[in-house]
């Protein structure tokens, strides 16, 4: 029954390939950037309701996931928070090159604990907001959110001031949690993160032109189970794009 539901679903998406009952899978494993947690969990639920195929997620920093896949971790689909780590896996023949496609976009914001006041995007504004505290940010050397953040802060002339006031985190959701708990007065996170966390307020939006466009590429791994194509295709469907938008992401057509 699950196989028939999946086949009907594939046809509805225009995905055409041969799939045998013996090879069909009831479960897929998706490695995805931490910032996608809320959106992809909702998308996974919707996909399972339509196809009967269960989707298991592993969310973490993109760099950590990419290295796990390189080492042979059993992922069927990889969703990266930037193109650098997707290219990293493509160069190592760990993903299927022709399957790579952008599925969503994002922006950057400063957030503070709920009730925080808006800040000016200059040294004075950042200094006042930080006080004696630190800026929570994903690691600026390896994690996409941190790299985008560093580029934006450099473009805005703020990096020289803040680089000694950073609280580096393993991924953007950990940075968000630091501000939510009040451990730090500020965090630099994705706009989508702020939209799903009632414990923070957006105190400033970083200009889109201050950093490279933020796109999330997705791809099949080289050892993807049959049926993974269906989930990858579903990520670009109207239903999935609607969930991305409701979760604070830029829709696919707006991010390319």
C-alpha atoms as a PDB file:
ATOM      1  CA  UNK A   1       0.000   0.000   0.000  1.00  0.00           C
ATOM      2  CA  UNK A   2       2.813   2.414   0.891  1.00  0.00           C
ATOM      3  CA  UNK A   3       4.583   1.645  -2.373  1.00  0.00           C
ATOM      4  CA  UNK A   4       1.446   2.348  -4.402  1.00  0.00           C
ATOM      5  CA  UNK A   5       0.910   5.643  -2.565  1.00  0.00           C
ATOM      6  CA  UNK A   6       4.509   6.600  -3.248  1.00  0.00           C
ATOM      7  CA  UNK A   7       4.248   5.738  -6.936  1.00  0.00           C
ATOM      8  CA  UNK A   8       1.079   7.809  -7.314  1.00  0.00           C
ATOM      9  CA  UNK A   9       2.796  10.670  -5.544  1.00  0.00           C
ATOM     10  CA  UNK A  10       5.861  10.477  -7.797  1.00  0.00           C
ATOM     11  CA  UNK A  11       3.687  10.617 -10.896  1.00  0.00           C
ATOM     12  CA  UNK A  12       1.860  13.676  -9.514  1.00  0.00           C
ATOM     13  CA  UNK A  13       5.223  15.434  -9.143  1.00  0.00           C
ATOM     14  CA  UNK A  14       6.407  14.397 -12.574  1.00  0.00           C
ATOM     15  CA  UNK A  15       9.164  12.191 -11.174  1.00  0.00           C
ATOM     16  CA  UNK A  16       9.644   9.321 -13.602  1.00  0.00           C
ATOM     17  CA  UNK A  17      11.858   6.337 -12.818  1.00  0.00           C
ATOM     18  CA  UNK A  18      11.556   2.623 -12.157  1.00  0.00           C
ATOM     19  CA  UNK A  19      11.119   1.516  -8.555  1.00  0.00           C
ATOM     20  CA  UNK A  20      10.709  -2.109  -7.560  1.00  0.00           C
ATOM     21  CA  UNK A  21       8.763  -3.251  -4.492  1.00  0.00           C
ATOM     22  CA  UNK A  22      11.816  -5.085  -3.199  1.00  0.00           C
ATOM     23  CA  UNK A  23      13.957  -1.960  -3.353  1.00  0.00           C
ATOM     24  CA  UNK A  24      11.388   0.551  -2.138  1.00  0.00           C
ATOM     25  CA  UNK A  25      12.028   2.022   1.308  1.00  0.00           C
ATOM     26  CA  UNK A  26       9.531   2.895   4.032  1.00  0.00           C
ATOM     27  CA  UNK A  27      11.921   5.328   5.679  1.00  0.00           C
ATOM     28  CA  UNK A  28      14.274   8.088   4.570  1.00  0.00           C
ATOM     29  CA  UNK A  29      17.022   9.834   6.505  1.00  0.00           C
ATOM     30  CA  UNK A  30      17.597  13.531   5.855  1.00  0.00           C
ATOM     31  CA  UNK A  31      20.604  15.465   7.156  1.00  0.00           C
ATOM     32  CA  UNK A  32      19.712  19.165   7.293  1.00  0.00           C
ATOM     33  CA  UNK A  33      20.998  22.471   8.612  1.00  0.00           C
ATOM     34  CA  UNK A  34      19.778  23.293  12.132  1.00  0.00           C
ATOM     35  CA  UNK A  35      17.983  26.432  10.949  1.00  0.00           C
ATOM     36  CA  UNK A  36      15.587  24.246   8.943  1.00  0.00           C
ATOM     37  CA  UNK A  37      14.328  22.285  11.960  1.00  0.00           C
ATOM     38  CA  UNK A  38      10.799  23.655  12.290  1.00  0.00           C
ATOM     39  CA  UNK A  39      10.076  23.941   8.576  1.00  0.00           C
ATOM     40  CA  UNK A  40      11.404  20.521   7.600  1.00  0.00           C
ATOM     41  CA  UNK A  41       9.672  18.733  10.458  1.00  0.00           C
ATOM     42  CA  UNK A  42       6.366  20.174   9.226  1.00  0.00           C
ATOM     43  CA  UNK A  43       7.228  19.306   5.624  1.00  0.00           C
ATOM     44  CA  UNK A  44       8.236  15.793   6.645  1.00  0.00           C
ATOM     45  CA  UNK A  45       4.891  15.270   8.353  1.00  0.00           C
ATOM     46  CA  UNK A  46       2.995  16.489   5.284  1.00  0.00           C
ATOM     47  CA  UNK A  47       5.103  14.270   3.011  1.00  0.00           C
ATOM     48  CA  UNK A  48       4.486  11.213   5.167  1.00  0.00           C
ATOM     49  CA  UNK A  49       0.733  11.860   5.144  1.00  0.00           C
ATOM     50  CA  UNK A  50       0.766  11.969   1.332  1.00  0.00           C
ATOM     51  CA  UNK A  51       3.121   9.082   0.635  1.00  0.00           C
ATOM     52  CA  UNK A  52       3.204   6.841   3.693  1.00  0.00           C
ATOM     53  CA  UNK A  53       6.993   7.150   3.732  1.00  0.00           C
ATOM     54  CA  UNK A  54       8.536   8.146   7.068  1.00  0.00           C
ATOM     55  CA  UNK A  55      11.228  10.834   7.104  1.00  0.00           C
ATOM     56  CA  UNK A  56      13.808  10.874   9.890  1.00  0.00           C
ATOM     57  CA  UNK A  57      15.827  14.048  10.355  1.00  0.00           C
ATOM     58  CA  UNK A  58      19.257  14.777  11.755  1.00  0.00           C
ATOM     59  CA  UNK A  59      19.642  18.519  12.366  1.00  0.00           C
ATOM     60  CA  UNK A  60      22.999  20.106  13.172  1.00  0.00           C
ATOM     61  CA  UNK A  61      25.511  22.602  11.845  1.00  0.00           C
ATOM     62  CA  UNK A  62      25.975  22.177   8.092  1.00  0.00           C
ATOM     63  CA  UNK A  63      29.730  21.653   8.413  1.00  0.00           C
ATOM     64  CA  UNK A  64      29.306  18.826  10.935  1.00  0.00           C
ATOM     65  CA  UNK A  65      26.700  17.090   8.780  1.00  0.00           C
ATOM     66  CA  UNK A  66      28.789  17.381   5.625  1.00  0.00           C
ATOM     67  CA  UNK A  67      31.759  15.770   7.336  1.00  0.00           C
ATOM     68  CA  UNK A  68      29.542  12.977   8.664  1.00  0.00           C
ATOM     69  CA  UNK A  69      28.261  12.267   5.155  1.00  0.00           C
ATOM     70  CA  UNK A  70      31.822  12.330   3.826  1.00  0.00           C
ATOM     71  CA  UNK A  71      32.699   9.736   6.476  1.00  0.00           C
ATOM     72  CA  UNK A  72      29.880   7.470   5.314  1.00  0.00           C
ATOM     73  CA  UNK A  73      26.942   8.405   7.557  1.00  0.00           C
ATOM     74  CA  UNK A  74      23.713   6.850   6.175  1.00  0.00           C
ATOM     75  CA  UNK A  75      21.894   9.913   4.856  1.00  0.00           C
ATOM     76  CA  UNK A  76      19.617   9.837   1.812  1.00  0.00           C
ATOM     77  CA  UNK A  77      19.187  13.594   1.356  1.00  0.00           C
ATOM     78  CA  UNK A  78      21.420  16.480   2.427  1.00  0.00           C
ATOM     79  CA  UNK A  79      20.115  20.029   2.843  1.00  0.00           C
ATOM     80  CA  UNK A  80      22.873  22.589   3.347  1.00  0.00           C
ATOM     81  CA  UNK A  81      22.673  26.164   4.606  1.00  0.00           C
ATOM     82  CA  UNK A  82      25.103  27.294   1.925  1.00  0.00           C
ATOM     83  CA  UNK A  83      26.633  26.260  -1.368  1.00  0.00           C
ATOM     84  CA  UNK A  84      30.159  25.902   0.031  1.00  0.00           C
ATOM     85  CA  UNK A  85      29.483  22.697   1.949  1.00  0.00           C
ATOM     86  CA  UNK A  86      27.366  21.280  -0.856  1.00  0.00           C
ATOM     87  CA  UNK A  87      30.287  21.894  -3.215  1.00  0.00           C
ATOM     88  CA  UNK A  88      32.549  20.241  -0.633  1.00  0.00           C
ATOM     89  CA  UNK A  89      30.534  17.032  -0.893  1.00  0.00           C
ATOM     90  CA  UNK A  90      30.149  17.273  -4.654  1.00  0.00           C
ATOM     91  CA  UNK A  91      33.925  17.491  -5.052  1.00  0.00           C
ATOM     92  CA  UNK A  92      34.228  14.349  -2.938  1.00  0.00           C
ATOM     93  CA  UNK A  93      31.548  12.551  -4.977  1.00  0.00           C
ATOM     94  CA  UNK A  94      29.331  12.176  -1.906  1.00  0.00           C
ATOM     95  CA  UNK A  95      26.213  13.722  -3.496  1.00  0.00           C
ATOM     96  CA  UNK A  96      24.566  13.338  -6.898  1.00  0.00           C
ATOM     97  CA  UNK A  97      25.575  16.517  -8.801  1.00  0.00           C
ATOM     98  CA  UNK A  98      22.563  16.651 -11.114  1.00  0.00           C
ATOM     99  CA  UNK A  99      20.169  16.455  -8.152  1.00  0.00           C
ATOM    100  CA  UNK A 100      21.393  19.664  -6.479  1.00  0.00           C
ATOM    101  CA  UNK A 101      18.835  22.463  -6.351  1.00  0.00           C
ATOM    102  CA  UNK A 102      18.049  25.491  -4.176  1.00  0.00           C
ATOM    103  CA  UNK A 103      14.874  25.082  -2.131  1.00  0.00           C
ATOM    104  CA  UNK A 104      14.642  28.265  -0.016  1.00  0.00           C
ATOM    105  CA  UNK A 105      16.323  31.511   0.957  1.00  0.00           C
ATOM    106  CA  UNK A 106      16.798  33.464   4.192  1.00  0.00           C
ATOM    107  CA  UNK A 107      17.941  36.712   5.782  1.00  0.00           C
ATOM    108  CA  UNK A 108      19.945  37.766   8.847  1.00  0.00           C
ATOM    109  CA  UNK A 109      18.743  39.588  11.959  1.00  0.00           C
ATOM    110  CA  UNK A 110      19.937  40.603  15.392  1.00  0.00           C
ATOM    111  CA  UNK A 111      17.711  39.315  18.181  1.00  0.00           C
ATOM    112  CA  UNK A 112      17.624  39.942  21.911  1.00  0.00           C
ATOM    113  CA  UNK A 113      15.602  38.437  24.754  1.00  0.00           C
ATOM    114  CA  UNK A 114      11.895  39.300  24.578  1.00  0.00           C
ATOM    115  CA  UNK A 115      11.396  42.964  25.412  1.00  0.00           C
ATOM    116  CA  UNK A 116      14.732  44.113  23.951  1.00  0.00           C
ATOM    117  CA  UNK A 117      14.817  47.550  22.340  1.00  0.00           C
ATOM    118  CA  UNK A 118      15.646  48.120  18.636  1.00  0.00           C
ATOM    119  CA  UNK A 119      19.272  48.999  17.944  1.00  0.00           C
ATOM    120  CA  UNK A 120      21.090  51.124  15.393  1.00  0.00           C
ATOM    121  CA  UNK A 121      23.421  49.245  13.060  1.00  0.00           C
ATOM    122  CA  UNK A 122      26.542  51.120  14.114  1.00  0.00           C
ATOM    123  CA  UNK A 123      29.235  50.649  16.744  1.00  0.00           C
ATOM    124  CA  UNK A 124      27.368  52.799  19.240  1.00  0.00           C
ATOM    125  CA  UNK A 125      24.168  50.824  18.807  1.00  0.00           C
ATOM    126  CA  UNK A 126      25.914  47.469  19.141  1.00  0.00           C
ATOM    127  CA  UNK A 127      27.898  48.673  22.147  1.00  0.00           C
ATOM    128  CA  UNK A 128      24.781  49.880  23.945  1.00  0.00           C
ATOM    129  CA  UNK A 129      22.941  46.630  23.238  1.00  0.00           C
ATOM    130  CA  UNK A 130      25.801  44.391  24.353  1.00  0.00           C
ATOM    131  CA  UNK A 131      26.697  46.281  27.500  1.00  0.00           C
ATOM    132  CA  UNK A 132      29.167  43.960  29.188  1.00  0.00           C
ATOM    133  CA  UNK A 133      27.769  40.913  27.408  1.00  0.00           C
ATOM    134  CA  UNK A 134      28.670  39.079  24.214  1.00  0.00           C
ATOM    135  CA  UNK A 135      27.176  38.480  20.786  1.00  0.00           C
ATOM    136  CA  UNK A 136      26.038  34.892  20.255  1.00  0.00           C
ATOM    137  CA  UNK A 137      26.814  33.784  16.714  1.00  0.00           C
ATOM    138  CA  UNK A 138      27.375  30.489  14.928  1.00  0.00           C
ATOM    139  CA  UNK A 139      31.047  29.693  14.374  1.00  0.00           C
ATOM    140  CA  UNK A 140      32.288  32.221  11.823  1.00  0.00           C
ATOM    141  CA  UNK A 141      34.863  29.920  10.242  1.00  0.00           C
ATOM    142  CA  UNK A 142      32.873  26.773   9.518  1.00  0.00           C
ATOM    143  CA  UNK A 143      29.123  27.320  10.014  1.00  0.00           C
ATOM    144  CA  UNK A 144      27.231  29.075   7.180  1.00  0.00           C
ATOM    145  CA  UNK A 145      25.208  31.355   9.482  1.00  0.00           C
ATOM    146  CA  UNK A 146      28.425  32.501  11.114  1.00  0.00           C
ATOM    147  CA  UNK A 147      30.163  33.071   7.790  1.00  0.00           C
ATOM    148  CA  UNK A 148      27.227  35.072   6.455  1.00  0.00           C
ATOM    149  CA  UNK A 149      27.170  37.004   9.709  1.00  0.00           C
ATOM    150  CA  UNK A 150      30.874  37.813   9.579  1.00  0.00           C
ATOM    151  CA  UNK A 151      30.530  39.010   5.978  1.00  0.00           C
ATOM    152  CA  UNK A 152      27.586  41.239   6.913  1.00  0.00           C
ATOM    153  CA  UNK A 153      29.322  42.696   9.961  1.00  0.00           C
ATOM    154  CA  UNK A 154      32.445  43.365   7.898  1.00  0.00           C
ATOM    155  CA  UNK A 155      30.392  45.073   5.192  1.00  0.00           C
ATOM    156  CA  UNK A 156      28.687  47.255   7.807  1.00  0.00           C
ATOM    157  CA  UNK A 157      31.994  48.239   9.407  1.00  0.00           C
ATOM    158  CA  UNK A 158      31.181  46.429  12.663  1.00  0.00           C
ATOM    159  CA  UNK A 159      33.465  43.410  12.556  1.00  0.00           C
ATOM    160  CA  UNK A 160      36.539  45.097  14.036  1.00  0.00           C
ATOM    161  CA  UNK A 161      34.493  46.026  17.097  1.00  0.00           C
ATOM    162  CA  UNK A 162      32.495  42.834  17.641  1.00  0.00           C
ATOM    163  CA  UNK A 163      35.114  40.186  16.874  1.00  0.00           C
ATOM    164  CA  UNK A 164      36.438  40.429  20.440  1.00  0.00           C
ATOM    165  CA  UNK A 165      32.912  40.346  21.871  1.00  0.00           C
ATOM    166  CA  UNK A 166      31.731  37.106  20.290  1.00  0.00           C
ATOM    167  CA  UNK A 167      30.286  33.994  21.914  1.00  0.00           C
ATOM    168  CA  UNK A 168      30.810  31.407  19.123  1.00  0.00           C
ATOM    169  CA  UNK A 169      28.256  28.585  18.988  1.00  0.00           C
ATOM    170  CA  UNK A 170      28.199  25.217  17.225  1.00  0.00           C
ATOM    171  CA  UNK A 171      25.158  26.176  15.138  1.00  0.00           C
ATOM    172  CA  UNK A 172      22.656  28.980  14.717  1.00  0.00           C
ATOM    173  CA  UNK A 173      19.967  27.368  16.882  1.00  0.00           C
ATOM    174  CA  UNK A 174      22.374  27.256  19.831  1.00  0.00           C
ATOM    175  CA  UNK A 175      23.062  30.972  19.295  1.00  0.00           C
ATOM    176  CA  UNK A 176      19.309  31.607  19.240  1.00  0.00           C
ATOM    177  CA  UNK A 177      18.864  29.660  22.477  1.00  0.00           C
ATOM    178  CA  UNK A 178      21.527  31.780  24.181  1.00  0.00           C
ATOM    179  CA  UNK A 179      19.516  34.937  23.513  1.00  0.00           C
ATOM    180  CA  UNK A 180      16.242  33.237  24.399  1.00  0.00           C
ATOM    181  CA  UNK A 181      17.591  32.286  27.833  1.00  0.00           C
ATOM    182  CA  UNK A 182      19.168  35.695  28.337  1.00  0.00           C
ATOM    183  CA  UNK A 183      22.674  34.228  28.446  1.00  0.00           C
ATOM    184  CA  UNK A 184      23.673  36.832  25.860  1.00  0.00           C
ATOM    185  CA  UNK A 185      22.011  40.193  25.191  1.00  0.00           C
ATOM    186  CA  UNK A 186      22.294  39.727  21.427  1.00  0.00           C
ATOM    187  CA  UNK A 187      22.429  36.933  18.878  1.00  0.00           C
ATOM    188  CA  UNK A 188      22.928  37.074  15.131  1.00  0.00           C
ATOM    189  CA  UNK A 189      20.604  34.509  13.562  1.00  0.00           C
ATOM    190  CA  UNK A 190      18.535  33.806  10.476  1.00  0.00           C
ATOM    191  CA  UNK A 191      15.235  35.618  10.055  1.00  0.00           C
ATOM    192  CA  UNK A 192      13.511  32.231  10.038  1.00  0.00           C
ATOM    193  CA  UNK A 193      14.920  31.399  13.479  1.00  0.00           C
ATOM    194  CA  UNK A 194      13.512  34.595  14.953  1.00  0.00           C
ATOM    195  CA  UNK A 195      10.090  33.959  13.422  1.00  0.00           C
ATOM    196  CA  UNK A 196       9.593  30.670  15.288  1.00  0.00           C
ATOM    197  CA  UNK A 197      10.983  31.700  18.699  1.00  0.00           C
ATOM    198  CA  UNK A 198       8.620  33.783  20.873  1.00  0.00           C
ATOM    199  CA  UNK A 199      11.343  34.222  23.477  1.00  0.00           C
ATOM    200  CA  UNK A 200      13.248  36.761  21.376  1.00  0.00           C
ATOM    201  CA  UNK A 201      12.544  40.036  19.617  1.00  0.00           C
ATOM    202  CA  UNK A 202      14.147  41.174  16.375  1.00  0.00           C
ATOM    203  CA  UNK A 203      16.094  44.327  17.212  1.00  0.00           C
ATOM    204  CA  UNK A 204      17.625  44.931  13.762  1.00  0.00           C
ATOM    205  CA  UNK A 205      17.518  43.446  10.267  1.00  0.00           C
ATOM    206  CA  UNK A 206      20.792  43.219   8.378  1.00  0.00           C
ATOM    207  CA  UNK A 207      20.611  44.568   4.819  1.00  0.00           C
ATOM    208  CA  UNK A 208      20.448  41.837   2.179  1.00  0.00           C
ATOM    209  CA  UNK A 209      23.235  43.554   0.261  1.00  0.00           C
ATOM    210  CA  UNK A 210      25.602  43.219   3.240  1.00  0.00           C
ATOM    211  CA  UNK A 211      26.169  39.518   2.559  1.00  0.00           C
ATOM    212  CA  UNK A 212      25.959  36.899  -0.179  1.00  0.00           C
ATOM    213  CA  UNK A 213      22.445  35.710  -0.962  1.00  0.00           C
ATOM    214  CA  UNK A 214      21.479  32.965   1.481  1.00  0.00           C
ATOM    215  CA  UNK A 215      20.283  29.855  -0.343  1.00  0.00           C
ATOM    216  CA  UNK A 216      19.649  26.339   0.877  1.00  0.00           C
ATOM    217  CA  UNK A 217      20.728  23.706  -1.669  1.00  0.00           C
ATOM    218  CA  UNK A 218      19.440  20.149  -1.319  1.00  0.00           C
ATOM    219  CA  UNK A 219      20.711  16.983  -2.987  1.00  0.00           C
ATOM    220  CA  UNK A 220      20.572  13.212  -3.006  1.00  0.00           C
ATOM    221  CA  UNK A 221      23.562  11.464  -1.514  1.00  0.00           C
ATOM    222  CA  UNK A 222      25.375   8.892  -3.613  1.00  0.00           C
ATOM    223  CA  UNK A 223      23.855   6.107  -1.512  1.00  0.00           C
ATOM    224  CA  UNK A 224      20.312   7.504  -1.375  1.00  0.00           C
ATOM    225  CA  UNK A 225      17.531   4.971  -0.996  1.00  0.00           C
ATOM    226  CA  UNK A 226      14.948   4.652  -3.738  1.00  0.00           C
ATOM    227  CA  UNK A 227      12.147   7.058  -2.976  1.00  0.00           C
ATOM    228  CA  UNK A 228      14.491   9.804  -1.785  1.00  0.00           C
ATOM    229  CA  UNK A 229      13.855  11.472  -5.163  1.00  0.00           C
ATOM    230  CA  UNK A 230      10.241  11.943  -4.122  1.00  0.00           C
ATOM    231  CA  UNK A 231      11.134  13.851  -0.971  1.00  0.00           C
ATOM    232  CA  UNK A 232      13.658  15.996  -2.832  1.00  0.00           C
ATOM    233  CA  UNK A 233      11.004  16.850  -5.417  1.00  0.00           C
ATOM    234  CA  UNK A 234       8.470  17.576  -2.666  1.00  0.00           C
ATOM    235  CA  UNK A 235      10.740  20.277  -1.213  1.00  0.00           C
ATOM    236  CA  UNK A 236       9.979  22.422  -4.289  1.00  0.00           C
ATOM    237  CA  UNK A 237       6.247  21.725  -4.266  1.00  0.00           C
ATOM    238  CA  UNK A 238       3.694  24.442  -3.539  1.00  0.00           C
ATOM    239  CA  UNK A 239       2.821  22.789  -0.228  1.00  0.00           C
ATOM    240  CA  UNK A 240       6.432  22.709   0.962  1.00  0.00           C
ATOM    241  CA  UNK A 241       7.161  26.230  -0.258  1.00  0.00           C
ATOM    242  CA  UNK A 242       4.140  27.478   1.681  1.00  0.00           C
ATOM    243  CA  UNK A 243       5.539  25.900   4.856  1.00  0.00           C
ATOM    244  CA  UNK A 244       8.928  27.496   4.215  1.00  0.00           C
ATOM    245  CA  UNK A 245       7.290  30.896   3.840  1.00  0.00           C
ATOM    246  CA  UNK A 246       5.192  30.454   6.991  1.00  0.00           C
ATOM    247  CA  UNK A 247       8.405  29.546   8.834  1.00  0.00           C
ATOM    248  CA  UNK A 248      10.109  32.803   7.866  1.00  0.00           C
ATOM    249  CA  UNK A 249      12.105  31.641   4.850  1.00  0.00           C
ATOM    250  CA  UNK A 250      12.138  33.266   1.432  1.00  0.00           C
ATOM    251  CA  UNK A 251      10.167  31.153  -1.027  1.00  0.00           C
ATOM    252  CA  UNK A 252      12.055  29.376  -3.777  1.00  0.00           C
ATOM    253  CA  UNK A 253      11.148  31.798  -6.545  1.00  0.00           C
ATOM    254  CA  UNK A 254      12.298  34.699  -4.355  1.00  0.00           C
ATOM    255  CA  UNK A 255      15.621  33.126  -3.447  1.00  0.00           C
ATOM    256  CA  UNK A 256      17.052  32.389  -6.875  1.00  0.00           C
END
